[in-house]
Amino acid sequence: MSKVLTIRVDEESYKILKLAAEAERRTISNYLEYAALNYTLNEMFISDDEMDEIKDLFPRLRKGLEDVKEGRWTLAE
């Protein structure tokens, strides 16, 4: 079942949202739902590329920690 949300935006924001909705051939309400869901889902989940970067980071962090413990480090200026 649909839920009703009420939001308040300034005139300039409204104009921008209205133009964006018209460009997508959507109502403002539908555009806001689409935009909010799109943003939320993209921010909520990690892409495969981001996950690969995270996986690569852990071994480098472990190596760095070992270097610090063994005194094999210098401060970069």
PDB file of N, CA and C in Angstrom:
ATOM      1  N   MET A   1       0.825  -1.170   0.000  1.00  0.00           N
ATOM      2  CA  MET A   1       0.000   0.000   0.000  1.00  0.00           C
ATOM      3  C   MET A   1       0.879   1.246   0.000  1.00  0.00           C
ATOM      4  N   SER A   2       0.529   2.233  -0.788  1.00  0.00           N
ATOM      5  CA  SER A   2       1.283   3.481  -0.882  1.00  0.00           C
ATOM      6  C   SER A   2       1.195   4.271   0.414  1.00  0.00           C
ATOM      7  N   LYS A   3       2.266   4.978   0.714  1.00  0.00           N
ATOM      8  CA  LYS A   3       2.327   5.868   1.870  1.00  0.00           C
ATOM      9  C   LYS A   3       2.504   7.289   1.371  1.00  0.00           C
ATOM     10  N   VAL A   4       1.976   8.233   2.092  1.00  0.00           N
ATOM     11  CA  VAL A   4       2.079   9.634   1.726  1.00  0.00           C
ATOM     12  C   VAL A   4       3.180  10.276   2.556  1.00  0.00           C
ATOM     13  N   LEU A   5       4.090  10.971   1.885  1.00  0.00           N
ATOM     14  CA  LEU A   5       5.135  11.743   2.548  1.00  0.00           C
ATOM     15  C   LEU A   5       4.944  13.202   2.181  1.00  0.00           C
ATOM     16  N   THR A   6       5.168  14.061   3.129  1.00  0.00           N
ATOM     17  CA  THR A   6       5.101  15.488   2.857  1.00  0.00           C
ATOM     18  C   THR A   6       6.494  16.064   3.060  1.00  0.00           C
ATOM     19  N   ILE A   7       6.982  16.800   2.056  1.00  0.00           N
ATOM     20  CA  ILE A   7       8.294  17.437   2.199  1.00  0.00           C
ATOM     21  C   ILE A   7       8.143  18.918   1.883  1.00  0.00           C
ATOM     22  N   ARG A   8       9.069  19.689   2.390  1.00  0.00           N
ATOM     23  CA  ARG A   8       9.074  21.119   2.129  1.00  0.00           C
ATOM     24  C   ARG A   8      10.412  21.439   1.471  1.00  0.00           C
ATOM     25  N   VAL A   9      10.370  22.096   0.314  1.00  0.00           N
ATOM     26  CA  VAL A   9      11.586  22.508  -0.379  1.00  0.00           C
ATOM     27  C   VAL A   9      11.458  23.978  -0.754  1.00  0.00           C
ATOM     28  N   ASP A  10      12.602  24.636  -0.908  1.00  0.00           N
ATOM     29  CA  ASP A  10      12.557  26.037  -1.316  1.00  0.00           C
ATOM     30  C   ASP A  10      12.216  26.126  -2.810  1.00  0.00           C
ATOM     31  N   GLU A  11      11.919  27.326  -3.248  1.00  0.00           N
ATOM     32  CA  GLU A  11      11.457  27.543  -4.627  1.00  0.00           C
ATOM     33  C   GLU A  11      12.479  27.067  -5.662  1.00  0.00           C
ATOM     34  N   GLU A  12      13.741  27.357  -5.426  1.00  0.00           N
ATOM     35  CA  GLU A  12      14.791  26.961  -6.388  1.00  0.00           C
ATOM     36  C   GLU A  12      14.903  25.441  -6.482  1.00  0.00           C
ATOM     37  N   SER A  13      14.860  24.758  -5.352  1.00  0.00           N
ATOM     38  CA  SER A  13      14.907  23.295  -5.363  1.00  0.00           C
ATOM     39  C   SER A  13      13.704  22.717  -6.091  1.00  0.00           C
ATOM     40  N   TYR A  14      12.546  23.325  -5.860  1.00  0.00           N
ATOM     41  CA  TYR A  14      11.332  22.858  -6.537  1.00  0.00           C
ATOM     42  C   TYR A  14      11.479  22.974  -8.048  1.00  0.00           C
ATOM     43  N   LYS A  15      11.999  24.093  -8.497  1.00  0.00           N
ATOM     44  CA  LYS A  15      12.185  24.296  -9.941  1.00  0.00           C
ATOM     45  C   LYS A  15      13.117  23.231 -10.524  1.00  0.00           C
ATOM     46  N   ILE A  16      14.182  22.954  -9.831  1.00  0.00           N
ATOM     47  CA  ILE A  16      15.141  21.945 -10.296  1.00  0.00           C
ATOM     48  C   ILE A  16      14.482  20.571 -10.347  1.00  0.00           C
ATOM     49  N   LEU A  17      13.766  20.211  -9.282  1.00  0.00           N
ATOM     50  CA  LEU A  17      13.093  18.910  -9.244  1.00  0.00           C
ATOM     51  C   LEU A  17      12.025  18.805 -10.328  1.00  0.00           C
ATOM     52  N   LYS A  18      11.303  19.885 -10.545  1.00  0.00           N
ATOM     53  CA  LYS A  18      10.264  19.883 -11.578  1.00  0.00           C
ATOM     54  C   LYS A  18      10.873  19.681 -12.959  1.00  0.00           C
ATOM     55  N   LEU A  19      11.961  20.390 -13.251  1.00  0.00           N
ATOM     56  CA  LEU A  19      12.641  20.222 -14.541  1.00  0.00           C
ATOM     57  C   LEU A  19      13.169  18.798 -14.717  1.00  0.00           C
ATOM     58  N   ALA A  20      13.749  18.260 -13.655  1.00  0.00           N
ATOM     59  CA  ALA A  20      14.280  16.893 -13.719  1.00  0.00           C
ATOM     60  C   ALA A  20      13.157  15.893 -13.955  1.00  0.00           C
ATOM     61  N   ALA A  21      12.045  16.070 -13.275  1.00  0.00           N
ATOM     62  CA  ALA A  21      10.899  15.174 -13.444  1.00  0.00           C
ATOM     63  C   ALA A  21      10.356  15.259 -14.863  1.00  0.00           C
ATOM     64  N   GLU A  22      10.227  16.475 -15.380  1.00  0.00           N
ATOM     65  CA  GLU A  22       9.733  16.643 -16.749  1.00  0.00           C
ATOM     66  C   GLU A  22      10.673  15.997 -17.759  1.00  0.00           C
ATOM     67  N   ALA A  23      11.974  16.128 -17.538  1.00  0.00           N
ATOM     68  CA  ALA A  23      12.961  15.525 -18.440  1.00  0.00           C
ATOM     69  C   ALA A  23      12.836  14.003 -18.469  1.00  0.00           C
ATOM     70  N   GLU A  24      12.435  13.426 -17.348  1.00  0.00           N
ATOM     71  CA  GLU A  24      12.262  11.971 -17.246  1.00  0.00           C
ATOM     72  C   GLU A  24      10.840  11.542 -17.575  1.00  0.00           C
ATOM     73  N   ARG A  25       9.987  12.519 -17.921  1.00  0.00           N
ATOM     74  CA  ARG A  25       8.562  12.265 -18.184  1.00  0.00           C
ATOM     75  C   ARG A  25       7.895  11.558 -16.999  1.00  0.00           C
ATOM     76  N   ARG A  26       8.156  12.113 -15.811  1.00  0.00           N
ATOM     77  CA  ARG A  26       7.599  11.580 -14.564  1.00  0.00           C
ATOM     78  C   ARG A  26       6.884  12.708 -13.833  1.00  0.00           C
ATOM     79  N   THR A  27       6.000  12.332 -12.933  1.00  0.00           N
ATOM     80  CA  THR A  27       5.464  13.329 -12.018  1.00  0.00           C
ATOM     81  C   THR A  27       6.562  13.665 -11.014  1.00  0.00           C
ATOM     82  N   ILE A  28       6.421  14.788 -10.354  1.00  0.00           N
ATOM     83  CA  ILE A  28       7.428  15.135  -9.350  1.00  0.00           C
ATOM     84  C   ILE A  28       7.459  14.075  -8.255  1.00  0.00           C
ATOM     85  N   SER A  29       6.299  13.625  -7.835  1.00  0.00           N
ATOM     86  CA  SER A  29       6.216  12.597  -6.799  1.00  0.00           C
ATOM     87  C   SER A  29       6.945  11.325  -7.230  1.00  0.00           C
ATOM     88  N   ASN A  30       6.674  10.883  -8.460  1.00  0.00           N
ATOM     89  CA  ASN A  30       7.311   9.673  -8.966  1.00  0.00           C
ATOM     90  C   ASN A  30       8.809   9.879  -9.125  1.00  0.00           C
ATOM     91  N   TYR A  31       9.214  11.065  -9.573  1.00  0.00           N
ATOM     92  CA  TYR A  31      10.639  11.343  -9.732  1.00  0.00           C
ATOM     93  C   TYR A  31      11.349  11.310  -8.383  1.00  0.00           C
ATOM     94  N   LEU A  32      10.741  11.909  -7.365  1.00  0.00           N
ATOM     95  CA  LEU A  32      11.348  11.902  -6.044  1.00  0.00           C
ATOM     96  C   LEU A  32      11.490  10.483  -5.497  1.00  0.00           C
ATOM     97  N   GLU A  33      10.470   9.652  -5.711  1.00  0.00           N
ATOM     98  CA  GLU A  33      10.553   8.257  -5.272  1.00  0.00           C
ATOM     99  C   GLU A  33      11.691   7.542  -5.999  1.00  0.00           C
ATOM    100  N   TYR A  34      11.743   7.720  -7.318  1.00  0.00           N
ATOM    101  CA  TYR A  34      12.792   7.101  -8.137  1.00  0.00           C
ATOM    102  C   TYR A  34      14.178   7.567  -7.681  1.00  0.00           C
ATOM    103  N   ALA A  35      14.345   8.892  -7.544  1.00  0.00           N
ATOM    104  CA  ALA A  35      15.647   9.449  -7.187  1.00  0.00           C
ATOM    105  C   ALA A  35      16.091   9.003  -5.789  1.00  0.00           C
ATOM    106  N   ALA A  36      15.175   9.015  -4.846  1.00  0.00           N
ATOM    107  CA  ALA A  36      15.515   8.618  -3.475  1.00  0.00           C
ATOM    108  C   ALA A  36      15.903   7.142  -3.408  1.00  0.00           C
ATOM    109  N   LEU A  37      15.133   6.298  -4.083  1.00  0.00           N
ATOM    110  CA  LEU A  37      15.466   4.865  -4.083  1.00  0.00           C
ATOM    111  C   LEU A  37      16.778   4.598  -4.804  1.00  0.00           C
ATOM    112  N   ASN A  38      16.971   5.251  -5.945  1.00  0.00           N
ATOM    113  CA  ASN A  38      18.199   5.068  -6.702  1.00  0.00           C
ATOM    114  C   ASN A  38      19.417   5.463  -5.874  1.00  0.00           C
ATOM    115  N   TYR A  39      19.350   6.616  -5.242  1.00  0.00           N
ATOM    116  CA  TYR A  39      20.448   7.081  -4.402  1.00  0.00           C
ATOM    117  C   TYR A  39      20.690   6.126  -3.231  1.00  0.00           C
ATOM    118  N   THR A  40      19.623   5.766  -2.554  1.00  0.00           N
ATOM    119  CA  THR A  40      19.749   4.901  -1.376  1.00  0.00           C
ATOM    120  C   THR A  40      20.342   3.548  -1.723  1.00  0.00           C
ATOM    121  N   LEU A  41      19.846   2.931  -2.778  1.00  0.00           N
ATOM    122  CA  LEU A  41      20.358   1.615  -3.156  1.00  0.00           C
ATOM    123  C   LEU A  41      21.803   1.677  -3.621  1.00  0.00           C
ATOM    124  N   ASN A  42      22.177   2.730  -4.310  1.00  0.00           N
ATOM    125  CA  ASN A  42      23.561   2.865  -4.759  1.00  0.00           C
ATOM    126  C   ASN A  42      24.511   3.134  -3.610  1.00  0.00           C
ATOM    127  N   GLU A  43      24.048   3.816  -2.584  1.00  0.00           N
ATOM    128  CA  GLU A  43      24.882   4.112  -1.432  1.00  0.00           C
ATOM    129  C   GLU A  43      24.923   2.973  -0.431  1.00  0.00           C
ATOM    130  N   MET A  44      23.901   2.126  -0.433  1.00  0.00           N
ATOM    131  CA  MET A  44      23.782   1.048   0.545  1.00  0.00           C
ATOM    132  C   MET A  44      24.696  -0.137   0.256  1.00  0.00           C
ATOM    133  N   PHE A  45      24.900  -0.416  -1.000  1.00  0.00           N
ATOM    134  CA  PHE A  45      25.610  -1.618  -1.393  1.00  0.00           C
ATOM    135  C   PHE A  45      26.979  -1.292  -1.957  1.00  0.00           C
ATOM    136  N   ILE A  46      27.902  -2.193  -1.770  1.00  0.00           N
ATOM    137  CA  ILE A  46      29.265  -2.025  -2.267  1.00  0.00           C
ATOM    138  C   ILE A  46      29.378  -2.749  -3.603  1.00  0.00           C
ATOM    139  N   SER A  47      29.945  -2.054  -4.588  1.00  0.00           N
ATOM    140  CA  SER A  47      30.133  -2.670  -5.899  1.00  0.00           C
ATOM    141  C   SER A  47      31.242  -3.712  -5.823  1.00  0.00           C
ATOM    142  N   ASP A  48      31.319  -4.570  -6.821  1.00  0.00           N
ATOM    143  CA  ASP A  48      32.372  -5.586  -6.875  1.00  0.00           C
ATOM    144  C   ASP A  48      33.752  -4.935  -6.915  1.00  0.00           C
ATOM    145  N   ASP A  49      33.889  -3.834  -7.645  1.00  0.00           N
ATOM    146  CA  ASP A  49      35.177  -3.138  -7.714  1.00  0.00           C
ATOM    147  C   ASP A  49      35.581  -2.602  -6.346  1.00  0.00           C
ATOM    148  N   GLU A  50      34.620  -1.998  -5.625  1.00  0.00           N
ATOM    149  CA  GLU A  50      34.920  -1.490  -4.291  1.00  0.00           C
ATOM    150  C   GLU A  50      35.298  -2.629  -3.355  1.00  0.00           C
ATOM    151  N   MET A  51      34.618  -3.762  -3.480  1.00  0.00           N
ATOM    152  CA  MET A  51      34.926  -4.905  -2.622  1.00  0.00           C
ATOM    153  C   MET A  51      36.326  -5.442  -2.911  1.00  0.00           C
ATOM    154  N   ASP A  52      36.705  -5.469  -4.188  1.00  0.00           N
ATOM    155  CA  ASP A  52      38.057  -5.906  -4.546  1.00  0.00           C
ATOM    156  C   ASP A  52      39.104  -4.984  -3.928  1.00  0.00           C
ATOM    157  N   GLU A  53      38.839  -3.672  -3.940  1.00  0.00           N
ATOM    158  CA  GLU A  53      39.767  -2.724  -3.328  1.00  0.00           C
ATOM    159  C   GLU A  53      39.885  -2.977  -1.830  1.00  0.00           C
ATOM    160  N   ILE A  54      38.770  -3.274  -1.181  1.00  0.00           N
ATOM    161  CA  ILE A  54      38.783  -3.546   0.258  1.00  0.00           C
ATOM    162  C   ILE A  54      39.583  -4.817   0.535  1.00  0.00           C
ATOM    163  N   LYS A  55      39.364  -5.849  -0.280  1.00  0.00           N
ATOM    164  CA  LYS A  55      40.095  -7.106  -0.094  1.00  0.00           C
ATOM    165  C   LYS A  55      41.590  -6.907  -0.272  1.00  0.00           C
ATOM    166  N   ASP A  56      41.988  -6.048  -1.230  1.00  0.00           N
ATOM    167  CA  ASP A  56      43.403  -5.764  -1.447  1.00  0.00           C
ATOM    168  C   ASP A  56      44.002  -4.934  -0.317  1.00  0.00           C
ATOM    169  N   LEU A  57      43.174  -4.158   0.348  1.00  0.00           N
ATOM    170  CA  LEU A  57      43.640  -3.269   1.398  1.00  0.00           C
ATOM    171  C   LEU A  57      44.086  -4.034   2.642  1.00  0.00           C
ATOM    172  N   PHE A  58      43.381  -5.076   3.024  1.00  0.00           N
ATOM    173  CA  PHE A  58      43.679  -5.784   4.269  1.00  0.00           C
ATOM    174  C   PHE A  58      45.094  -6.363   4.323  1.00  0.00           C
ATOM    175  N   PRO A  59      45.560  -7.056   3.271  1.00  0.00           N
ATOM    176  CA  PRO A  59      46.945  -7.546   3.340  1.00  0.00           C
ATOM    177  C   PRO A  59      47.971  -6.410   3.459  1.00  0.00           C
ATOM    178  N   ARG A  60      47.708  -5.290   2.801  1.00  0.00           N
ATOM    179  CA  ARG A  60      48.638  -4.163   2.890  1.00  0.00           C
ATOM    180  C   ARG A  60      48.629  -3.556   4.289  1.00  0.00           C
ATOM    181  N   LEU A  61      47.459  -3.495   4.914  1.00  0.00           N
ATOM    182  CA  LEU A  61      47.385  -2.996   6.287  1.00  0.00           C
ATOM    183  C   LEU A  61      48.124  -3.931   7.250  1.00  0.00           C
ATOM    184  N   ARG A  62      47.946  -5.238   7.056  1.00  0.00           N
ATOM    185  CA  ARG A  62      48.657  -6.207   7.910  1.00  0.00           C
ATOM    186  C   ARG A  62      50.166  -6.059   7.759  1.00  0.00           C
ATOM    187  N   LYS A  63      50.626  -5.896   6.521  1.00  0.00           N
ATOM    188  CA  LYS A  63      52.059  -5.720   6.249  1.00  0.00           C
ATOM    189  C   LYS A  63      52.550  -4.444   6.907  1.00  0.00           C
ATOM    190  N   GLY A  64      51.778  -3.372   6.807  1.00  0.00           N
ATOM    191  CA  GLY A  64      52.168  -2.119   7.431  1.00  0.00           C
ATOM    192  C   GLY A  64      52.250  -2.231   8.940  1.00  0.00           C
ATOM    193  N   LEU A  65      51.305  -2.945   9.534  1.00  0.00           N
ATOM    194  CA  LEU A  65      51.324  -3.155  10.980  1.00  0.00           C
ATOM    195  C   LEU A  65      52.553  -3.962  11.398  1.00  0.00           C
ATOM    196  N   GLU A  66      52.882  -4.978  10.625  1.00  0.00           N
ATOM    197  CA  GLU A  66      54.097  -5.774  10.913  1.00  0.00           C
ATOM    198  C   GLU A  66      55.337  -4.894  10.815  1.00  0.00           C
ATOM    199  N   ASP A  67      55.400  -4.041   9.797  1.00  0.00           N
ATOM    200  CA  ASP A  67      56.547  -3.140   9.643  1.00  0.00           C
ATOM    201  C   ASP A  67      56.676  -2.209  10.841  1.00  0.00           C
ATOM    202  N   VAL A  68      55.562  -1.680  11.322  1.00  0.00           N
ATOM    203  CA  VAL A  68      55.596  -0.794  12.487  1.00  0.00           C
ATOM    204  C   VAL A  68      56.086  -1.562  13.708  1.00  0.00           C
ATOM    205  N   LYS A  69      55.562  -2.765  13.919  1.00  0.00           N
ATOM    206  CA  LYS A  69      55.965  -3.567  15.079  1.00  0.00           C
ATOM    207  C   LYS A  69      57.449  -3.904  15.037  1.00  0.00           C
ATOM    208  N   GLU A  70      57.987  -4.094  13.848  1.00  0.00           N
ATOM    209  CA  GLU A  70      59.404  -4.451  13.687  1.00  0.00           C
ATOM    210  C   GLU A  70      60.294  -3.213  13.579  1.00  0.00           C
ATOM    211  N   GLY A  71      59.710  -2.034  13.639  1.00  0.00           N
ATOM    212  CA  GLY A  71      60.490  -0.800  13.581  1.00  0.00           C
ATOM    213  C   GLY A  71      60.942  -0.440  12.168  1.00  0.00           C
ATOM    214  N   ARG A  72      60.305  -1.040  11.147  1.00  0.00           N
ATOM    215  CA  ARG A  72      60.691  -0.776   9.746  1.00  0.00           C
ATOM    216  C   ARG A  72      59.758   0.286   9.145  1.00  0.00           C
ATOM    217  N   TRP A  73      59.873   1.511   9.647  1.00  0.00           N
ATOM    218  CA  TRP A  73      59.021   2.553   9.112  1.00  0.00           C
ATOM    219  C   TRP A  73      59.668   3.909   9.328  1.00  0.00           C
ATOM    220  N   THR A  74      59.284   4.853   8.522  1.00  0.00           N
ATOM    221  CA  THR A  74      59.721   6.234   8.685  1.00  0.00           C
ATOM    222  C   THR A  74      58.511   7.139   8.407  1.00  0.00           C
ATOM    223  N   LEU A  75      58.553   8.327   8.933  1.00  0.00           N
ATOM    224  CA  LEU A  75      57.488   9.280   8.690  1.00  0.00           C
ATOM    225  C   LEU A  75      57.797  10.043   7.406  1.00  0.00           C
ATOM    226  N   ALA A  76      56.846  10.072   6.503  1.00  0.00           N
ATOM    227  CA  ALA A  76      57.020  10.830   5.270  1.00  0.00           C
ATOM    228  C   ALA A  76      56.683  12.287   5.538  1.00  0.00           C
ATOM    229  N   GLU A  77      57.422  13.175   4.925  1.00  0.00           N
ATOM    230  CA  GLU A  77      57.146  14.609   5.114  1.00  0.00           C
ATOM    231  C   GLU A  77      56.370  15.154   3.958  1.00  0.00           C
TER     232      GLU A  77
END
